[in-house]
Each structure stands twice: as C-alpha cells, then as structure tokens.
Amino acid sequence: MTPPDLVLLTGATGMVGLRVLVRLLEYGYYVRAAVRTQAGFDRICSLPCLRFYGGQLSRVVVPDITDKWAYYEAILGVTYVVHVASPISCDNFTTVAQLRDHIIRPAVKGTVGILTAAQWSQSVKRVVITGSLVSIASEESIASGRMIDEYTWDVNMTGEITHANAYVRSKALAFAAVQDYLRQNKPPYTVINILPVTIIGRDDSLMNMETDCFKGTNSLLIGSLLGIQNNIITMPGNSVHLDDVAELHVRSLDQNWARAHLMGHQTFIAAAGPMTWSDCFDIVKRRFPKEYAEGVFPFFDAAVRARTSVVNVNNMAARLLLGRNFKTFEEQVVSVVQQYLELRMRGQRRLLR
C-alpha cells in the first residue's frame, strides 16, 4: 500500500492553520508542521482536537521565515505545501520600519521562500497559500460595492505604511510576489490561492476565555454580542465559516478533483455571501434564549449595532471546489457563541475550585 502523502504546513499554531491541520489529519495525510518554536508545537499537541493524531504529525522548527534557506530542510520528502503562516498587526509595532520589518517583509519573504524551496525539492506537486480578499482588492474597491472575483486586481500600494494598512499591504504584496515568481520561474508545481473574507467560527486554539476570546476576527462578533464598543464604524458585510476555509485548503490537494477541474494555477475566494452584521443579535436571541435572558450577552445598547458594508464577491469557483454551499452566517455565529459559553463555563468552574 502506498503511504499517505506528506504535507508541509505553516501557521499550524494559529486559528486558520490549526483548523487546516485537523482537517488534513482527518483526511489521512501525514503532516509536518513548520513552527517557530518547540513550545508552540507542544501547545497545539496538548489540545483535545489533536489527541488522536500523534502518529501522523511531526514538526520542524523554523524560527525565521525570512531566512533564504528557512524551508529547505523542512521541504524534504514533501508532496504538498499548505502555507498559512503570515504576520498580523500588533500594537507593539508603531513605526514604519517596525511595520515593514515585522509585518510586510515576513509575509513576502516567507511566501517567496517557500515557493523557492518547493521548486528546489523536485517532489512538491502543489502549493496552497492562504491570502485574503484584500490580496486582490483594496479596501476602497471592496467598500465601493463592485463585484470582486478571482481575476480582480485593484490594490493600493501607494502612500505611507501605517498600523491600519500594514496587514492589507502585506497581503497584496505577498500575492503579487507569488504571481511574479510564477511568471519568472515557471515551477513544475501548481499554486492555489485561497482568499477568505472575514473568518468566523469555532477556534480550537482557544483555551482561556479571559485571554483568548478577544483575539482574531471572532473578537468582532463576541465584542458586539457583549456590548463592547470598538472603533470599527462599519462591519464587513460578508463572512465565511472557519470550517469552510480549512476544507477549501484540503480539497485543493485532491488530485482526482484537480485533474477534472483545475487548469494550472488558480485562485478561490472563500465567502459565504452577503449578510447583515446586526443579524447576529437576533440569532443569539433565537438560538440562545436562556443565556440572553440571563444577561450573558448584554448587547442592549443600539450603539453597538454597527453599520454593515456591502461586500460583493463571486464565490462560484470556491463553491465548486467545496462541493456544497458555504455554511451560513447563522452557523458561523452559533459555532462561536457555543464555544464562548463552553469557555465561560470552564472559567466559572475554575473559580469554584
């Protein structure tokens, strides 16, 4: 019997990467997780979602993804690469130099580095890269309501780098670097870009309500439901379930599907479809009436009901890859609220000990 293919996965310690990791293991792949530290790998291995997959999972420590040779050892014997890792904005980075060195440069260098290592390996058949809708469309373009599809290229690279735009700039520059690499080097493997809109869904990397629930994009939802004011005046009008994002990554590796549908390098936009952000309040009232009545979700002040921007995308290609419709906004909200309640209960039990 042919042994399962080996997948090199980056970013496994984060929200998206961990969910991709679990799905890869569930599909039967062997996974080599590239992590920055051994401690990060040990942390995810202690999570309940990975309890039964120790025999399929190994690790390689890559402390600096900007190093030219960062992935050359990690790539040996690998058939597929799933590159999720990418820096996110941090309040500690305030100067242009810090934003460039800690957000933009690692996003671009890390992506090009893994493409280069994959070509050197001569064993890699496909590289799947996690981007974002802002990889191909500027915030202004998205906010205009125009239809965005996988062929859109309307980004804004001008102006000074700021804390507000560094992440967006990093995604656009990394995507552009991929296209440049493919044109200049013509590697033997195919590259698939997965570009999600706002990701919402149960995050199995969370362990503590007080410290974890207000990280990542789920914090937009939980913050609204808890009546916490934020500085975001307009909320995104399109979202996607974390499960669907992970599923798209894994299904991109399916050779049978690829032979029938993939035409070389391809981009997929992960988006469930338009929604109204304030619907989350009605969903909680209807699906969690007991907790709402008890005041667990005190979103009584209408001020937290931020306006919803129109985000129009064509997700037809991604739906074909997924093999079904995307999970609804209601399913996204319910999965996050259920986890919040679980963590809340766990915290209460800890206080009673």
Protein backbone atom coordinates (compact mmCIF):
# COMPACT_ATOMS: atom_id res chain seq x y z
CA MET A 1 0.00 0.00 0.00
CA THR A 2 1.26 3.47 -0.90
CA PRO A 3 1.90 5.53 2.26
CA PRO A 4 -0.12 8.74 2.70
CA ASP A 5 1.31 11.90 1.17
CA LEU A 6 3.36 14.20 3.40
CA VAL A 7 2.15 17.80 3.70
CA LEU A 8 4.29 20.67 4.97
CA LEU A 9 2.01 23.06 6.85
CA THR A 10 2.98 26.51 8.10
CA GLY A 11 0.97 28.53 10.60
CA ALA A 12 -0.42 25.49 12.42
CA THR A 13 -0.46 27.27 15.78
CA GLY A 14 -2.95 29.91 14.61
CA MET A 15 -6.71 29.94 14.16
CA VAL A 16 -6.81 29.00 10.47
CA GLY A 17 -3.69 26.85 10.46
CA LEU A 18 -4.86 24.67 13.33
CA ARG A 19 -8.20 24.01 11.67
CA VAL A 20 -6.42 23.15 8.41
CA LEU A 21 -4.12 20.83 10.36
CA VAL A 22 -7.03 18.95 11.90
CA ARG A 23 -8.72 18.51 8.51
CA LEU A 24 -5.50 17.29 6.88
CA LEU A 25 -5.10 14.68 9.61
CA GLU A 26 -8.76 13.69 9.34
CA TYR A 27 -8.28 13.15 5.60
CA GLY A 28 -5.38 10.81 6.38
CA TYR A 29 -2.41 12.95 5.37
CA TYR A 30 0.87 12.91 7.23
CA VAL A 31 1.69 16.47 8.28
CA ARG A 32 4.99 18.14 9.06
CA ALA A 33 4.19 21.36 10.90
CA ALA A 34 6.70 24.18 10.48
CA VAL A 35 6.61 26.13 13.74
CA ARG A 36 8.64 29.00 15.13
CA THR A 37 9.24 27.33 18.49
CA GLN A 38 9.02 23.91 20.08
CA ALA A 39 6.79 25.45 22.75
CA GLY A 40 4.24 26.42 20.10
CA PHE A 41 4.15 22.87 18.78
CA ASP A 42 3.83 21.43 22.28
CA ARG A 43 0.90 23.75 22.96
CA ILE A 44 -1.16 22.62 19.98
CA CYS A 45 -0.29 18.97 20.61
CA SER A 46 -1.90 19.33 24.04
CA LEU A 47 -5.22 20.43 22.52
CA PRO A 48 -8.10 17.92 22.52
CA CYS A 49 -8.59 18.26 18.76
CA LEU A 50 -5.17 16.64 18.12
CA ARG A 51 -5.41 13.95 20.77
CA PHE A 52 -5.63 11.01 18.36
CA TYR A 53 -3.23 12.05 15.59
CA GLY A 54 0.23 11.84 17.15
CA GLY A 55 1.39 9.19 14.69
CA GLN A 56 0.60 11.37 11.67
CA LEU A 57 2.08 14.62 12.96
CA SER A 58 5.69 15.77 13.15
CA ARG A 59 7.35 19.16 13.39
CA VAL A 60 10.25 21.18 12.14
CA VAL A 61 11.31 24.40 13.86
CA VAL A 62 11.67 27.38 11.51
CA PRO A 63 12.45 30.36 13.75
CA ASP A 64 12.85 32.94 10.96
CA ILE A 65 10.72 32.62 7.82
CA THR A 66 12.59 35.50 6.18
CA ASP A 67 15.79 33.43 6.07
CA LYS A 68 16.57 32.45 2.47
CA TRP A 69 17.12 28.82 3.50
CA ALA A 70 14.30 28.68 6.04
CA TYR A 71 12.31 25.86 4.43
CA TYR A 72 14.96 23.81 2.63
CA GLU A 73 15.23 21.19 5.37
CA ALA A 74 11.50 21.30 6.09
CA ILE A 75 10.56 20.60 2.46
CA LEU A 76 12.48 17.31 2.07
CA GLY A 77 10.19 14.45 1.03
CA VAL A 78 7.10 16.66 0.92
CA THR A 79 4.37 16.21 -1.73
CA TYR A 80 2.19 19.19 -0.85
CA VAL A 81 2.72 22.52 0.88
CA VAL A 82 -0.02 24.48 2.66
CA HIS A 83 1.33 27.92 3.56
CA VAL A 84 -0.96 29.59 6.09
CA ALA A 85 1.60 31.48 8.19
CA SER A 86 1.56 35.25 7.88
CA PRO A 87 2.24 38.01 10.41
CA ILE A 88 -0.66 40.00 11.81
CA SER A 89 -0.67 43.57 13.06
CA CYS A 90 0.41 44.15 16.63
CA ASP A 91 0.08 47.22 18.82
CA ASN A 92 3.80 46.94 19.61
CA PHE A 93 4.66 47.82 16.01
CA THR A 94 4.17 51.55 15.54
CA THR A 95 6.94 52.91 13.32
CA VAL A 96 7.12 52.44 9.56
CA ALA A 97 10.33 50.44 9.97
CA GLN A 98 8.73 48.10 12.51
CA LEU A 99 5.67 47.56 10.33
CA ARG A 100 7.82 46.90 7.29
CA ASP A 101 10.21 44.53 9.10
CA HIS A 102 7.68 42.61 11.20
CA ILE A 103 4.54 42.57 9.03
CA ILE A 104 5.26 43.20 5.35
CA ARG A 105 8.73 41.75 4.86
CA PRO A 106 8.00 38.37 6.55
CA ALA A 107 4.76 37.97 4.57
CA VAL A 108 6.53 38.46 1.25
CA LYS A 109 9.85 36.79 2.07
CA GLY A 110 8.18 33.82 3.74
CA THR A 111 5.93 33.19 0.75
CA VAL A 112 8.67 33.51 -1.85
CA GLY A 113 10.98 31.42 0.32
CA ILE A 114 8.56 28.52 0.46
CA LEU A 115 7.95 28.68 -3.30
CA THR A 116 11.69 28.60 -3.91
CA ALA A 117 12.22 25.66 -1.56
CA ALA A 118 9.33 23.78 -3.18
CA GLN A 119 10.91 24.17 -6.61
CA TRP A 120 14.28 23.03 -5.28
CA SER A 121 12.73 19.93 -3.69
CA GLN A 122 11.55 18.43 -7.01
CA SER A 123 8.94 16.46 -5.04
CA VAL A 124 6.27 19.10 -4.42
CA LYS A 125 3.20 18.84 -6.67
CA ARG A 126 1.10 21.68 -5.30
CA VAL A 127 1.41 24.70 -3.02
CA VAL A 128 -1.72 26.12 -1.37
CA ILE A 129 -1.38 29.65 0.00
CA THR A 130 -3.71 31.46 2.39
CA GLY A 131 -4.32 35.04 1.39
CA SER A 132 -7.24 37.39 1.93
CA LEU A 133 -9.75 39.25 -0.17
CA VAL A 134 -7.51 42.30 0.32
CA SER A 135 -4.79 40.37 -1.52
CA ILE A 136 -6.52 41.34 -4.78
CA ALA A 137 -8.80 44.25 -3.90
CA SER A 138 -8.17 47.39 -1.89
CA GLU A 139 -10.42 48.31 0.99
CA GLU A 140 -11.71 51.20 -1.13
CA SER A 141 -12.52 48.87 -4.00
CA ILE A 142 -14.34 46.44 -1.71
CA ALA A 143 -16.26 49.26 0.01
CA SER A 144 -17.45 50.58 -3.36
CA GLY A 145 -19.70 47.54 -3.70
CA ARG A 146 -18.20 46.40 -7.01
CA MET A 147 -18.19 42.68 -7.72
CA ILE A 148 -14.86 41.07 -6.78
CA ASP A 149 -13.82 37.81 -8.43
CA GLU A 150 -10.62 35.79 -8.68
CA TYR A 151 -9.48 37.86 -11.69
CA THR A 152 -9.74 41.19 -9.88
CA TRP A 153 -6.54 43.13 -9.35
CA ASP A 154 -7.28 46.50 -7.81
CA VAL A 155 -4.93 47.17 -4.91
CA ASN A 156 -3.44 50.35 -3.49
CA MET A 157 0.31 50.22 -2.87
CA THR A 158 0.80 53.97 -2.58
CA GLY A 159 1.05 56.13 0.48
CA GLU A 160 2.81 55.68 3.79
CA ILE A 161 2.69 52.38 5.63
CA THR A 162 0.57 52.73 8.77
CA HIS A 163 -0.62 50.44 11.53
CA ALA A 164 -4.05 50.47 9.87
CA ASN A 165 -2.88 49.38 6.42
CA ALA A 166 0.22 47.25 7.09
CA TYR A 167 -1.62 43.93 7.12
CA VAL A 168 -3.57 44.81 3.97
CA ARG A 169 -0.37 45.91 2.25
CA SER A 170 1.41 42.70 3.28
CA LYS A 171 -1.32 40.52 1.78
CA ALA A 172 -1.37 42.41 -1.52
CA LEU A 173 2.42 42.42 -1.84
CA ALA A 174 2.68 38.72 -0.99
CA PHE A 175 0.06 37.84 -3.62
CA ALA A 176 1.86 39.98 -6.20
CA ALA A 177 5.14 38.29 -5.30
CA VAL A 178 3.57 34.89 -5.98
CA GLN A 179 2.45 35.97 -9.45
CA ASP A 180 5.91 37.38 -10.20
CA TYR A 181 7.57 34.17 -9.04
CA LEU A 182 5.33 32.00 -11.22
CA ARG A 183 5.99 34.14 -14.31
CA GLN A 184 9.73 34.29 -13.81
CA ASN A 185 10.48 30.75 -12.63
CA LYS A 186 7.71 28.56 -14.11
CA PRO A 187 7.88 25.93 -11.34
CA PRO A 188 6.72 22.35 -12.01
CA TYR A 189 4.05 22.52 -9.29
CA THR A 190 0.71 24.34 -9.30
CA VAL A 191 -0.17 27.12 -6.87
CA ILE A 192 -3.63 27.56 -5.36
CA ASN A 193 -4.51 30.80 -3.56
CA ILE A 194 -7.36 30.72 -1.04
CA LEU A 195 -8.64 34.23 -0.33
CA PRO A 196 -11.14 34.39 2.56
CA VAL A 197 -13.29 37.31 3.58
CA THR A 198 -13.80 37.82 7.35
CA ILE A 199 -13.42 34.41 9.00
CA ILE A 200 -15.82 33.44 11.80
CA GLY A 201 -16.04 30.06 13.51
CA ARG A 202 -15.07 27.92 16.46
CA ASP A 203 -11.35 28.32 17.11
CA ASP A 204 -9.90 25.21 18.75
CA SER A 205 -6.68 27.04 19.64
CA LEU A 206 -8.52 28.98 22.36
CA MET A 207 -8.15 27.71 25.91
CA ASN A 208 -8.99 30.63 28.20
CA MET A 209 -11.98 32.97 27.97
CA GLU A 210 -10.33 35.95 29.64
CA THR A 211 -7.23 36.00 27.44
CA ASP A 212 -8.25 34.29 24.20
CA CYS A 213 -11.81 35.27 23.27
CA PHE A 214 -10.86 38.74 22.14
CA LYS A 215 -8.21 37.68 19.64
CA GLY A 216 -8.67 37.37 15.90
CA THR A 217 -11.73 38.04 13.80
CA ASN A 218 -14.06 36.18 16.18
CA SER A 219 -13.50 39.05 18.59
CA LEU A 220 -15.54 41.30 16.29
CA LEU A 221 -18.53 39.05 16.87
CA ILE A 222 -18.05 38.36 20.58
CA GLY A 223 -17.30 42.02 21.26
CA SER A 224 -20.54 43.06 19.58
CA LEU A 225 -22.57 40.45 21.48
CA LEU A 226 -21.07 41.57 24.79
CA GLY A 227 -21.92 45.20 24.05
CA ILE A 228 -18.28 46.24 23.89
CA GLN A 229 -17.63 49.38 21.88
CA ASN A 230 -14.94 49.22 19.23
CA ASN A 231 -13.51 51.74 16.80
CA ILE A 232 -14.88 49.94 13.75
CA ILE A 233 -17.76 52.06 12.49
CA THR A 234 -18.72 49.77 9.61
CA MET A 235 -18.60 45.98 9.90
CA PRO A 236 -17.85 43.69 6.94
CA GLY A 237 -20.91 42.52 5.04
CA ASN A 238 -19.55 39.11 4.02
CA SER A 239 -18.01 36.34 6.09
CA VAL A 240 -17.03 32.69 5.89
CA HIS A 241 -17.01 29.83 8.37
CA LEU A 242 -13.58 28.72 9.56
CA ASP A 243 -14.52 25.12 8.74
CA ASP A 244 -15.14 26.03 5.10
CA VAL A 245 -11.82 27.86 4.81
CA ALA A 246 -9.99 24.79 6.11
CA GLU A 247 -11.98 22.48 3.85
CA LEU A 248 -11.04 24.51 0.77
CA HIS A 249 -7.36 24.20 1.61
CA VAL A 250 -7.55 20.44 1.97
CA ARG A 251 -9.77 19.82 -1.05
CA SER A 252 -7.26 21.79 -3.14
CA LEU A 253 -4.88 18.86 -2.67
CA ASP A 254 -7.32 16.29 -4.10
CA GLN A 255 -5.63 15.03 -7.27
CA ASN A 256 -8.80 13.46 -8.69
CA TRP A 257 -10.71 16.72 -8.34
CA ALA A 258 -7.75 18.66 -9.68
CA ARG A 259 -7.48 16.56 -12.83
CA ALA A 260 -11.13 17.25 -13.60
CA HIS A 261 -11.36 20.92 -12.65
CA LEU A 262 -8.03 22.68 -12.08
CA MET A 263 -6.46 24.48 -15.01
CA GLY A 264 -2.99 25.31 -13.73
CA HIS A 265 -2.58 27.95 -11.05
CA GLN A 266 -5.88 29.09 -9.59
CA THR A 267 -7.44 31.44 -7.04
CA PHE A 268 -10.55 30.81 -4.94
CA ILE A 269 -12.48 33.39 -2.93
CA ALA A 270 -13.84 31.93 0.31
CA ALA A 271 -17.06 33.76 1.11
CA ALA A 272 -20.48 32.58 2.23
CA GLY A 273 -22.30 35.54 0.74
CA PRO A 274 -23.74 38.90 1.80
CA MET A 275 -25.07 39.23 5.33
CA THR A 276 -26.17 41.95 7.73
CA TRP A 277 -23.99 42.16 10.83
CA SER A 278 -26.84 43.11 13.18
CA ASP A 279 -28.50 39.76 12.41
CA CYS A 280 -26.11 38.25 14.97
CA PHE A 281 -28.20 39.80 17.76
CA ASP A 282 -31.41 38.20 16.53
CA ILE A 283 -29.63 34.87 16.06
CA VAL A 284 -28.48 34.87 19.68
CA LYS A 285 -31.94 35.78 20.97
CA ARG A 286 -33.47 32.93 18.97
CA ARG A 287 -30.81 30.24 19.39
CA PHE A 288 -29.67 31.05 22.94
CA PRO A 289 -32.80 32.45 24.66
CA LYS A 290 -31.80 31.24 28.15
CA GLU A 291 -28.36 32.88 28.06
CA TYR A 292 -29.80 36.06 26.57
CA ALA A 293 -32.47 36.25 29.28
CA GLU A 294 -29.77 35.79 31.94
CA GLY A 295 -27.82 38.76 30.56
CA VAL A 296 -24.83 36.76 29.31
CA PHE A 297 -24.93 38.78 26.08
CA PRO A 298 -25.72 42.39 27.12
CA PHE A 299 -25.97 43.97 23.69
CA PHE A 300 -28.82 46.23 24.78
CA ASP A 301 -27.23 49.48 23.62
CA ALA A 302 -28.11 50.14 19.98
CA ALA A 303 -24.75 51.88 19.62
CA VAL A 304 -23.03 48.52 19.20
CA ARG A 305 -25.16 47.78 16.14
CA ALA A 306 -22.58 48.99 13.67
CA ARG A 307 -23.48 49.56 10.06
CA THR A 308 -22.77 46.76 7.61
CA SER A 309 -20.75 47.46 4.49
CA VAL A 310 -21.63 45.80 1.20
CA VAL A 311 -19.03 43.20 0.18
CA ASN A 312 -19.85 41.64 -3.18
CA VAL A 313 -17.79 38.66 -4.30
CA ASN A 314 -18.19 35.87 -6.83
CA ASN A 315 -17.69 32.61 -4.93
CA MET A 316 -18.81 30.25 -7.70
CA ALA A 317 -15.40 28.63 -8.22
CA ALA A 318 -14.95 28.12 -4.48
CA ARG A 319 -18.39 26.53 -4.16
CA LEU A 320 -17.45 24.09 -6.91
CA LEU A 321 -14.27 23.20 -5.04
CA LEU A 322 -16.13 22.91 -1.74
CA GLY A 323 -18.74 20.65 -3.31
CA ARG A 324 -21.62 22.33 -1.46
CA ASN A 325 -22.89 25.70 -0.35
CA PHE A 326 -20.93 27.61 2.26
CA LYS A 327 -22.11 27.49 5.86
CA THR A 328 -24.43 30.37 6.66
CA PHE A 329 -23.78 33.39 8.86
CA GLU A 330 -26.11 31.84 11.43
CA GLU A 331 -23.98 28.69 11.55
CA GLN A 332 -20.88 30.85 11.98
CA VAL A 333 -22.42 32.79 14.86
CA VAL A 334 -23.73 29.68 16.62
CA SER A 335 -20.34 27.93 16.49
CA VAL A 336 -18.57 30.91 18.09
CA VAL A 337 -21.24 31.51 20.73
CA GLN A 338 -21.26 27.83 21.71
CA GLN A 339 -17.50 27.92 22.22
CA TYR A 340 -17.73 31.16 24.19
CA LEU A 341 -20.27 29.56 26.52
CA GLU A 342 -18.05 26.49 26.93
CA LEU A 343 -15.04 28.63 27.84
CA ARG A 344 -17.18 30.74 30.15
CA MET A 345 -18.42 27.65 31.97
CA ARG A 346 -14.88 26.31 32.22
CA GLY A 347 -13.74 29.61 33.74
CA GLN A 348 -16.56 29.55 36.29
CA ARG A 349 -15.66 26.02 37.34
CA ARG A 350 -12.05 27.06 37.76
CA LEU A 351 -13.10 29.88 40.10
CA LEU A 352 -15.16 27.48 42.22
CA ARG A 353 -12.25 25.13 42.89
